[in-house]
Protein backbone atom coordinates (compact mmCIF):
# COMPACT_ATOMS: atom_id res chain seq x y z
CA PHE A 1 0.00 0.00 0.00
CA PHE A 2 1.08 3.59 -0.55
CA LEU A 3 2.29 5.66 2.35
CA GLY A 4 2.44 9.41 1.80
CA ALA A 5 4.91 12.07 2.93
CA GLN A 6 2.38 13.43 5.42
CA ASP A 7 2.19 10.03 7.13
CA LEU A 8 5.99 9.89 7.29
CA ASP A 9 6.26 13.36 8.82
CA GLN A 10 3.71 12.43 11.47
CA LEU A 11 5.49 9.16 12.24
CA GLN A 12 8.85 10.91 12.57
CA GLU A 13 7.31 13.36 15.04
CA GLU A 14 5.99 10.39 17.05
CA ILE A 15 9.47 8.83 17.00
CA GLU A 16 11.06 12.04 18.28
CA ASP A 17 8.40 12.28 20.99
CA ALA A 18 8.98 8.67 22.10
CA MET A 19 12.74 9.20 22.21
CA SER A 20 12.36 12.42 24.22
CA LYS A 21 10.28 10.42 26.74
CA LYS A 22 12.91 7.64 26.72
CA GLU A 23 10.34 5.15 25.42
CA TRP A 24 13.04 3.22 23.60
CA LYS A 25 11.07 0.10 22.68
CA GLU A 26 8.22 2.06 21.14
CA ALA A 27 10.64 4.32 19.25
CA SER A 28 12.55 1.27 17.95
CA GLU A 29 9.40 -0.33 16.59
CA GLN A 30 8.32 2.88 14.87
CA ILE A 31 11.76 3.39 13.28
CA GLU A 32 11.84 -0.20 12.02
CA TYR A 33 8.39 0.34 10.49
CA CYS A 34 9.66 3.45 8.68
CA LEU A 35 12.76 1.70 7.38
CA ASN A 36 10.75 -1.28 6.10
CA HIS A 37 7.69 0.48 4.63
CA TYR A 38 8.81 3.85 3.27
CA ASP A 39 10.83 4.81 0.22
CA LEU A 40 13.28 7.03 2.10
CA ASP A 41 15.91 9.40 0.80
CA GLU A 42 19.49 8.54 1.84
CA LEU A 43 19.76 11.33 4.44
CA THR A 44 16.56 10.26 6.22
CA ARG A 45 17.54 6.58 6.09
CA ALA A 46 20.96 7.34 7.59
CA GLY A 47 19.40 9.38 10.42
CA LEU A 48 16.75 6.78 11.26
CA THR A 49 19.31 3.95 11.17
CA HIS A 50 21.49 5.93 13.61
CA ASN A 51 18.50 6.52 15.91
CA LEU A 52 17.54 2.83 15.81
CA GLY A 53 21.08 1.89 16.84
CA PHE A 54 20.85 4.41 19.69
CA CYS A 55 17.46 3.10 20.91
CA LEU A 56 18.70 -0.50 20.84
CA LEU A 57 21.81 0.52 22.78
CA GLU A 58 19.58 2.04 25.46
CA GLN A 59 17.77 -1.32 25.64
CA GLN A 60 21.11 -3.18 26.01
CA ASP A 61 20.60 -4.95 22.65
CA PHE A 62 24.28 -4.74 21.81
CA ILE A 63 24.22 -6.97 18.73
CA GLY A 64 21.33 -5.11 17.11
CA SER A 65 22.75 -1.74 18.08
CA LYS A 66 26.15 -2.51 16.58
CA TYR A 67 24.56 -3.70 13.32
CA TYR A 68 22.52 -0.53 12.79
CA LEU A 69 25.21 1.90 13.97
CA GLN A 70 27.78 0.40 11.64
CA ASN A 71 25.26 0.64 8.78
CA ALA A 72 24.56 4.27 9.71
CA LEU A 73 28.28 4.99 9.65
CA GLN A 74 28.54 3.58 6.11
CA PHE A 75 25.42 5.48 4.96
CA LYS A 76 26.79 8.76 6.28
CA TYR A 77 30.19 8.30 4.66
CA SER A 78 28.61 7.38 1.31
CA LEU A 79 26.20 10.29 1.54
CA HIS A 80 28.88 12.97 2.03
CA ASN A 81 31.87 11.09 0.63
CA GLU A 82 33.81 12.21 3.71
CA LYS A 83 33.91 11.87 7.48
CA ASN A 84 32.26 14.92 9.03
CA GLY A 85 30.55 16.05 12.23
CA ASP A 86 27.45 13.95 11.52
CA TYR A 87 29.64 10.89 10.93
CA ALA A 88 31.36 11.66 14.26
CA LYS A 89 28.05 11.36 16.18
CA THR A 90 27.61 7.76 15.04
CA ALA A 91 31.28 6.99 15.66
CA GLN A 92 30.90 8.29 19.22
CA LEU A 93 27.85 6.05 19.79
CA LEU A 94 29.84 3.07 18.55
CA GLY A 95 32.47 4.08 21.10
CA ASP A 96 29.82 4.05 23.85
CA LEU A 97 28.69 0.61 22.71
CA SER A 98 32.27 -0.71 22.61
CA LEU A 99 32.89 0.64 26.11
CA GLN A 100 29.80 -1.11 27.48
CA ILE A 101 30.68 -4.50 26.01
CA GLY A 102 34.31 -4.32 27.06
CA HIS A 103 35.95 -3.69 23.67
CA PHE A 104 38.11 -0.94 25.12
CA ASP A 105 40.62 -0.51 22.27
CA GLN A 106 37.76 -0.04 19.79
CA ALA A 107 36.06 2.41 22.16
CA GLU A 108 39.19 4.56 22.36
CA ARG A 109 39.59 4.58 18.56
CA TYR A 110 35.99 5.62 17.97
CA PHE A 111 36.13 8.35 20.64
CA LEU A 112 39.42 9.77 19.35
CA GLU A 113 38.08 9.82 15.80
CA ALA A 114 34.86 11.55 16.91
CA GLN A 115 36.77 14.16 18.90
CA PHE A 116 39.10 14.87 15.97
CA LEU A 117 36.15 15.35 13.58
CA TYR A 118 34.23 17.57 16.02
CA ASN A 119 37.28 19.80 16.35
CA GLN A 120 37.72 19.92 12.58
CA PHE A 121 34.11 20.55 11.57
CA LEU A 122 32.40 22.06 14.63
CA GLY A 123 35.28 23.65 16.51
CA ALA A 124 36.93 23.01 19.86
CA ARG A 125 34.41 25.24 21.66
CA SER A 126 31.36 23.10 20.81
CA ASP A 127 29.05 20.96 22.91
CA GLU A 128 29.89 18.00 20.69
CA ASN A 129 33.59 18.35 21.48
CA VAL A 130 32.78 18.52 25.20
CA ASP A 131 30.73 15.30 24.85
CA ALA A 132 33.63 13.57 23.06
CA LEU A 133 36.08 14.67 25.77
CA VAL A 134 33.71 13.33 28.43
CA SER A 135 33.51 10.02 26.55
CA LEU A 136 37.30 9.84 26.40
CA GLY A 137 37.41 10.60 30.12
CA GLN A 138 34.96 7.76 30.80
CA TYR A 139 37.09 5.40 28.73
CA ALA A 140 40.25 6.40 30.65
CA GLU A 141 38.37 6.01 33.95
CA VAL A 142 37.23 2.48 33.09
CA VAL A 143 40.72 1.28 32.14
CA GLY A 144 42.20 2.84 35.28
CA ASP A 145 44.06 5.74 33.67
CA PHE A 146 42.91 8.26 36.28
CA GLU A 147 45.47 10.84 35.19
CA GLY A 148 44.19 10.63 31.62
CA ALA A 149 40.58 10.78 32.85
CA HIS A 150 41.30 14.00 34.74
CA MET A 151 43.03 15.47 31.68
CA TYR A 152 39.99 14.85 29.45
CA PHE A 153 37.42 15.85 32.07
CA ASP A 154 39.35 19.01 33.00
CA SER A 155 39.46 20.03 29.32
CA ALA A 156 35.73 19.39 29.05
CA LEU A 157 35.13 21.44 32.22
CA GLU A 158 37.11 24.41 30.90
CA ILE A 159 35.28 24.45 27.55
CA SER A 160 31.89 23.88 29.20
CA ARG A 161 32.52 26.79 31.57
CA SER A 162 33.38 29.07 28.63
CA ILE A 163 30.37 28.24 26.44
CA HIS A 164 27.79 27.77 29.20
CA HIS A 165 27.16 29.53 32.50
CA ALA A 166 28.30 27.96 35.74
CA GLN A 167 24.75 26.87 36.61
CA SER A 168 24.13 24.93 33.40
CA PRO A 169 23.32 21.19 33.20
CA GLU A 170 26.31 20.72 30.89
CA PHE A 171 28.65 22.16 33.51
CA ALA A 172 27.03 20.03 36.22
CA ASN A 173 27.49 16.88 34.16
CA VAL A 174 31.27 17.36 33.83
CA ASN A 175 31.60 18.15 37.56
CA ASN A 176 29.76 14.92 38.29
CA HIS A 177 32.23 12.89 36.20
CA ILE A 178 35.27 14.55 37.81
CA GLY A 179 33.91 13.90 41.29
CA ARG A 180 33.39 10.23 40.52
CA VAL A 181 37.01 9.82 39.34
CA TYR A 182 38.27 11.44 42.54
CA VAL A 183 36.25 8.85 44.50
CA LYS A 184 37.93 6.05 42.58
CA ASN A 185 41.47 7.26 43.11
CA GLY A 186 40.87 7.97 46.79
CA ASP A 187 40.89 11.80 46.80
CA LEU A 188 37.61 12.02 48.72
CA GLN A 189 37.95 15.69 49.67
CA ASN A 190 38.09 16.83 46.04
CA ALA A 191 35.43 14.27 45.13
CA GLU A 192 33.01 15.81 47.60
CA LYS A 193 33.68 19.34 46.30
CA PHE A 194 32.85 18.45 42.68
CA LEU A 195 29.90 16.18 43.48
CA LEU A 196 28.32 18.77 45.79
CA ARG A 197 28.72 21.40 43.06
CA ALA A 198 27.00 19.16 40.49
CA ASN A 199 24.25 18.27 42.93
CA GLY A 200 23.63 21.93 43.81
CA ILE A 201 23.35 22.93 40.14
CA TYR A 202 20.85 20.17 39.36
CA HIS A 203 18.83 21.09 42.46
CA ASP A 204 18.64 24.74 41.41
CA LEU A 205 17.64 23.84 37.82
CA GLY A 206 14.28 22.58 39.08
CA LYS A 207 11.83 19.82 38.18
CA GLU A 208 13.05 19.32 34.62
CA TYR A 209 16.31 17.95 36.03
CA THR A 210 14.84 15.96 38.93
CA LEU A 211 16.25 12.68 37.66
CA ASP A 212 19.74 14.16 37.12
CA TYR A 213 19.55 15.55 40.66
CA ILE A 214 18.63 12.14 42.07
CA GLU A 215 21.41 10.41 40.12
CA SER A 216 23.98 12.93 41.37
CA LEU A 217 22.72 12.32 44.93
CA GLU A 218 23.44 8.64 44.38
CA ASN A 219 27.06 9.47 43.50
CA LEU A 220 27.26 11.41 46.76
CA ALA A 221 25.89 8.41 48.64
CA ILE A 222 28.63 6.22 47.16
CA LEU A 223 31.20 8.88 48.17
CA PHE A 224 29.98 8.81 51.77
CA GLN A 225 30.22 5.03 51.74
CA HIS A 226 33.87 5.28 50.65
CA LYS A 227 34.49 7.80 53.47
CA GLY A 228 33.08 5.34 55.98
CA ASP A 229 30.13 7.67 56.66
CA PHE A 230 27.64 4.82 56.36
CA GLY A 231 24.83 6.62 58.14
CA GLN A 232 24.79 9.47 55.61
CA SER A 233 25.14 7.02 52.72
CA GLU A 234 22.21 4.96 53.98
CA LYS A 235 20.05 8.04 54.52
CA LEU A 236 20.66 9.29 50.98
CA LEU A 237 20.14 5.90 49.32
CA LEU A 238 16.85 5.34 51.17
CA ARG A 239 15.68 8.79 50.07
CA ILE A 240 16.71 8.06 46.46
CA GLU A 241 14.90 4.71 46.58
CA ARG A 242 11.71 6.41 47.76
CA GLU A 243 11.89 9.16 45.14
CA LYS A 244 12.64 6.76 42.29
CA ARG A 245 9.66 4.59 43.26
CA GLU A 246 7.44 7.67 43.21
CA LEU A 247 8.66 8.97 39.81
CA SER A 248 6.65 7.48 36.95
CA THR A 249 9.38 8.43 34.45
CA VAL A 250 12.09 6.35 36.15
CA SER A 251 13.00 3.18 34.26
CA GLU A 252 13.19 -0.16 36.04
CA GLU A 253 16.94 -0.22 35.48
CA LEU A 254 17.45 3.06 37.35
CA LEU A 255 15.43 1.72 40.28
CA LEU A 256 17.41 -1.52 40.21
CA GLU A 257 20.63 0.53 40.35
CA THR A 258 19.60 2.01 43.70
CA LEU A 259 18.25 -1.26 45.12
CA ASN A 260 21.55 -2.89 44.22
CA ASP A 261 23.54 -0.05 45.84
CA LEU A 262 21.50 -0.47 49.04
CA GLY A 263 22.17 -4.20 49.02
CA ILE A 264 25.90 -3.55 48.67
CA LEU A 265 25.85 -0.97 51.49
CA TYR A 266 24.08 -3.33 53.91
CA HIS A 267 26.42 -6.15 52.91
CA GLU A 268 29.37 -3.93 53.81
CA LEU A 269 27.65 -3.15 57.13
CA ARG A 270 27.31 -6.91 57.76
CA ASP A 271 23.51 -6.52 57.86
CA TYR A 272 22.92 -9.57 55.68
CA THR A 273 19.17 -9.70 56.31
CA LYS A 274 18.60 -6.26 54.74
CA SER A 275 21.23 -6.88 52.08
CA LYS A 276 19.52 -10.10 51.02
CA LYS A 277 16.13 -8.38 50.90
CA TYR A 278 17.37 -5.80 48.37
CA PHE A 279 19.30 -8.30 46.25
CA GLU A 280 16.21 -10.54 46.14
CA GLU A 281 14.08 -7.63 44.94
CA VAL A 282 16.61 -6.91 42.17
CA TYR A 283 16.43 -10.60 41.29
CA LYS A 284 12.59 -10.71 41.15
CA ILE A 285 12.17 -7.49 39.14
CA SER A 286 14.92 -8.30 36.65
CA LYS A 287 13.73 -11.89 36.15
CA LYS A 288 10.11 -10.84 35.60
CA HIS A 289 10.57 -7.70 33.50
CA LEU A 290 14.05 -7.88 31.95
CA GLY A 291 14.64 -11.60 31.55
CA LYS A 292 17.30 -14.06 32.62
CA GLU A 293 19.77 -12.88 29.99
CA HIS A 294 19.89 -9.32 31.36
CA ARG A 295 22.91 -7.90 33.17
CA TYR A 296 20.85 -6.98 36.26
CA TYR A 297 19.58 -10.55 36.61
CA ALA A 298 23.19 -11.77 36.46
CA THR A 299 24.23 -9.04 38.92
CA ALA A 300 21.46 -10.08 41.32
CA ILE A 301 22.45 -13.76 41.41
CA ASN A 302 26.12 -12.76 41.68
CA ASN A 303 25.30 -10.69 44.78
CA LEU A 304 22.94 -13.31 46.24
CA ALA A 305 25.82 -15.76 45.97
CA ALA A 306 27.84 -13.47 48.27
CA ILE A 307 25.03 -13.71 50.86
CA ALA A 308 24.84 -17.49 50.44
CA LYS A 309 28.61 -17.69 51.04
CA GLU A 310 28.28 -15.64 54.26
CA GLU A 311 25.49 -17.97 55.39
CA GLY A 312 27.70 -21.00 54.76
CA GLN A 313 25.60 -22.23 51.82
CA LEU A 314 28.62 -22.83 49.60
CA ALA A 315 26.98 -25.22 47.13
CA ALA A 316 24.17 -22.71 46.51
CA ALA A 317 26.71 -19.88 46.11
CA GLU A 318 28.71 -21.94 43.61
CA ARG A 319 25.57 -22.76 41.59
CA LEU A 320 24.54 -19.10 41.41
CA LEU A 321 28.02 -17.95 40.39
CA LEU A 322 28.30 -20.56 37.64
CA GLU A 323 25.02 -19.22 36.23
CA ALA A 324 26.18 -15.59 36.59
CA THR A 325 29.51 -16.20 34.83
CA ASP A 326 27.69 -17.93 31.95
CA ILE A 327 25.30 -14.98 31.51
CA PHE A 328 28.04 -12.34 31.70
CA GLU A 329 30.10 -14.31 29.19
CA ARG A 330 27.18 -14.41 26.74
CA ILE A 331 26.44 -10.68 27.18
CA TYR A 332 29.95 -9.24 27.28
CA GLY A 333 32.43 -11.96 26.39
CA MET A 334 35.33 -13.16 28.54
CA ASP A 335 37.38 -9.93 28.56
CA HIS A 336 34.97 -7.79 30.57
CA PRO A 337 35.09 -6.57 34.21
CA LYS A 338 31.66 -8.02 35.08
CA TYR A 339 32.67 -11.49 33.90
CA ALA A 340 35.97 -11.19 35.77
CA ASN A 341 34.15 -10.08 38.95
CA ALA A 342 31.79 -13.07 38.90
CA LEU A 343 34.69 -15.43 38.14
CA ASN A 344 36.64 -13.95 41.07
CA ASN A 345 33.66 -14.57 43.37
CA LEU A 346 33.41 -18.15 42.10
CA ALA A 347 37.11 -18.67 42.87
CA SER A 348 36.64 -17.31 46.40
CA VAL A 349 33.83 -19.84 47.04
CA GLU A 350 35.98 -22.64 45.63
CA ARG A 351 38.81 -21.57 47.94
CA VAL A 352 36.57 -21.80 51.01
CA MET A 353 35.31 -25.20 49.80
CA GLY A 354 38.93 -26.40 49.56
CA ALA A 355 38.78 -26.79 45.77
CA TYR A 356 42.19 -25.16 45.43
CA ILE A 357 43.04 -26.32 41.90
CA ALA A 358 39.80 -24.89 40.46
CA ALA A 359 40.18 -21.71 42.52
CA GLU A 360 43.76 -21.15 41.33
CA SER A 361 42.74 -21.66 37.70
CA HIS A 362 39.93 -19.10 38.02
CA TYR A 363 42.04 -16.56 39.95
CA GLN A 364 44.74 -16.82 37.27
CA GLU A 365 42.10 -16.21 34.59
CA VAL A 366 40.87 -13.12 36.48
CA LEU A 367 44.45 -11.88 36.68
CA LYS A 368 44.86 -12.34 32.93
CA ILE A 369 41.60 -10.49 32.16
CA ASP A 370 42.51 -7.60 34.47
CA ARG A 371 45.95 -7.39 32.89
CA ILE A 372 44.34 -7.09 29.44
CA ILE A 373 41.70 -4.58 30.52
CA TYR A 374 43.54 -2.41 33.02
CA GLY A 375 47.24 -3.19 32.79
CA GLU A 376 49.51 -4.14 35.68
CA ASN A 377 49.40 -0.79 37.51
CA HIS A 378 45.67 -0.66 38.25
CA PRO A 379 44.03 -1.19 41.69
CA GLU A 380 41.80 -3.93 40.23
CA TYR A 381 44.91 -5.86 39.19
CA ALA A 382 46.22 -5.41 42.75
CA THR A 383 42.96 -6.87 44.11
CA ALA A 384 43.31 -9.90 41.82
CA LEU A 385 46.89 -10.39 43.04
CA THR A 386 45.74 -10.11 46.66
CA ASN A 387 43.05 -12.76 46.21
CA LEU A 388 45.54 -15.10 44.57
CA GLY A 389 47.91 -14.45 47.49
CA ILE A 390 45.20 -15.41 50.00
CA LEU A 391 44.69 -18.68 48.12
CA TYR A 392 48.43 -19.38 48.12
CA SER A 393 48.51 -18.71 51.88
CA ALA A 394 45.74 -21.27 52.35
CA MET A 395 47.74 -23.73 50.21
CA GLU A 396 50.89 -22.94 52.28
CA ARG A 397 52.68 -21.78 49.14
CA ASN A 398 54.24 -18.97 51.16
CA SER A 399 56.79 -17.74 48.64
CA SER A 400 54.12 -17.25 45.94
CA ALA A 401 51.77 -15.60 48.45
CA GLY A 402 54.45 -13.11 49.52
CA ILE A 403 55.17 -12.13 45.92
CA CYS A 404 51.46 -11.44 45.32
CA TYR A 405 51.04 -9.38 48.51
CA ASN A 406 54.14 -7.27 47.85
CA GLN A 407 53.19 -6.55 44.23
CA ALA A 408 49.67 -5.55 45.30
CA LEU A 409 51.05 -3.23 47.99
CA GLU A 410 53.32 -1.44 45.50
CA ILE A 411 50.54 -1.04 42.91
CA ARG A 412 48.15 0.43 45.49
CA ARG A 413 50.85 2.74 46.85
CA LYS A 414 51.49 4.22 43.40
CA ALA A 415 47.88 4.29 42.20
CA LEU A 416 46.02 5.26 45.39
CA GLY A 417 48.58 6.76 47.77
CA VAL A 418 49.62 5.80 51.28
CA ASN A 419 46.47 7.09 53.02
CA HIS A 420 43.96 4.99 51.09
CA PRO A 421 42.04 2.19 52.91
CA ALA A 422 43.01 -0.31 50.18
CA TYR A 423 46.70 0.43 50.80
CA ALA A 424 46.11 -0.14 54.51
CA LYS A 425 44.49 -3.48 53.68
CA SER A 426 47.59 -4.51 51.74
CA LEU A 427 49.76 -3.60 54.73
CA GLU A 428 47.47 -5.70 56.91
CA ASN A 429 47.75 -8.66 54.50
CA LEU A 430 51.55 -8.49 54.62
CA GLY A 431 51.50 -8.15 58.40
CA MET A 432 49.43 -11.31 58.75
CA TYR A 433 51.63 -13.06 56.16
CA TYR A 434 54.79 -12.39 58.20
CA TYR A 435 52.94 -13.23 61.42
CA ALA A 436 52.11 -16.67 59.99
CA LEU A 437 55.82 -17.11 59.18
CA ASN A 438 56.75 -16.17 62.79
CA GLN A 439 58.64 -13.11 61.51
CA PHE A 440 57.20 -10.90 64.24
CA PRO A 441 59.26 -7.68 63.81
CA LYS A 442 58.23 -7.45 60.13
CA ALA A 443 54.64 -8.35 61.00
CA GLU A 444 54.54 -5.60 63.63
CA GLN A 445 55.98 -3.04 61.20
CA TYR A 446 53.26 -3.61 58.60
CA LEU A 447 50.39 -3.96 61.08
CA ARG A 448 51.32 -0.77 62.95
CA GLU A 449 51.41 1.18 59.69
CA ALA A 450 47.99 -0.23 58.74
CA ILE A 451 46.58 0.75 62.14
CA ASP A 452 47.99 4.29 61.82
CA ILE A 453 46.11 4.76 58.53
CA GLN A 454 42.89 3.41 60.06
CA LEU A 455 43.25 5.70 63.09
CA SER A 456 43.80 8.65 60.77
CA GLN A 457 40.58 7.74 58.97
CA ILE A 458 38.74 7.58 62.28
CA ARG A 459 40.07 10.99 63.39
CA SER A 460 38.99 12.62 60.11
CA ILE A 461 35.37 11.45 60.03
CA PHE A 462 34.43 10.01 63.45
CA PRO A 463 33.74 13.31 65.29
CA SER A 464 30.85 14.24 62.95
CA PHE A 465 29.00 10.93 63.44
CA THR A 466 25.91 10.35 65.57
CA GLN A 467 26.17 7.76 68.33
CA GLN A 468 24.45 5.15 66.13
CA GLU A 469 26.78 5.88 63.20
CA ARG A 470 29.82 5.62 65.50
CA ALA A 471 28.69 2.22 66.74
CA ARG A 472 28.15 0.98 63.20
CA PHE A 473 31.50 2.33 62.01
CA TYR A 474 33.28 0.81 65.00
CA SER A 475 31.70 -2.61 64.40
CA ILE A 476 33.42 -2.66 61.00
CA MET A 477 36.71 -0.99 61.92
CA LYS A 478 37.40 -3.01 65.08
């Protein structure tokens, strides 16, 4: 049947409306209908193909998204016979996709190409260039290049400040990213400064930016958790949970994000009853509405396995982790942090069960993945070394254990500094290692240094706590 131009115009308006409301499934279906039923000019086809790739990416359909985005890239090049600013937008989306599925080298190439084209065709002082710099910062953050992340984010901040006012959402977004990187590399004072600035801007912008405000609050909650201020973190996360449940525009995935964060917080507080309640809700919602092949379903069973391990249900924990690793492998492949995390958890259960050969094999695989993703100077690589060291201690392979502990200590010292809790944990591991070898002077040296760092942390944040928060903090620190 014949479909007229007026019908197409109306349908394109409906697509734009659905995308503005983040109704990705509806928009995808409408775009596919257009592509299959209309005789489209090349420019329109290229634009719709790009938008379909974007909508599928938002729905975590990585295979479909990649197919359409790569087609859009070819359409745009053929249309203009050159790579231009429009081409760069699709290249940047392919970078986002590559970052999500763990193809980090491809992500960097796409982002660098997009940023080069934006500079060439739209100028350095453009919103598109700021977006590309932010994407490059996110890439650097993921692979553990915190210095590179700050370089990209700082450039984005400077440009954003010059083309927008200091109370703009664009400026808030870059502050939010910078604050998050400071959390990761242990500079919590600077992290709080940038995250509070972002949060204040979103608050002042009003109802239109309610969701951005809530998401920035969640970053603050994670910051407080890193500071050991668990009471403030809990208060914020419970508020965010309530507000997300009340907002009709919040997707299930954004709610699951907060429920998962609450589960992690309560797990850290050793409140396994509350932790399990939140992880089980993530499990039920994701299984019912997102399916058993979704990343949140896999995340839920991965976290429930941690509870099962704490409860001594090792067989149940192992079963859940085998399922989680299979799902993450199918979604992301075997060179992705989420797969490595689930595999690491599986190895830790196997270690407790006494299945040392299987545990060593899996820990070595995690080490290999982290080396590929992050390199040998990243805190995640140090964590993998530490876990392997703990296994070797259990196996009484003391020489191998000592090598792992010492390498982890040096990585954390360089990457995080000597006042970071993770560095203190490495000192504690070495102290216990030498204690087990009856080398008491060395053990005392490392344990005293670890205690000094912990006491410093207590002095910096303990005075501001309520009595309840002090008791909770002490129960963990003691």
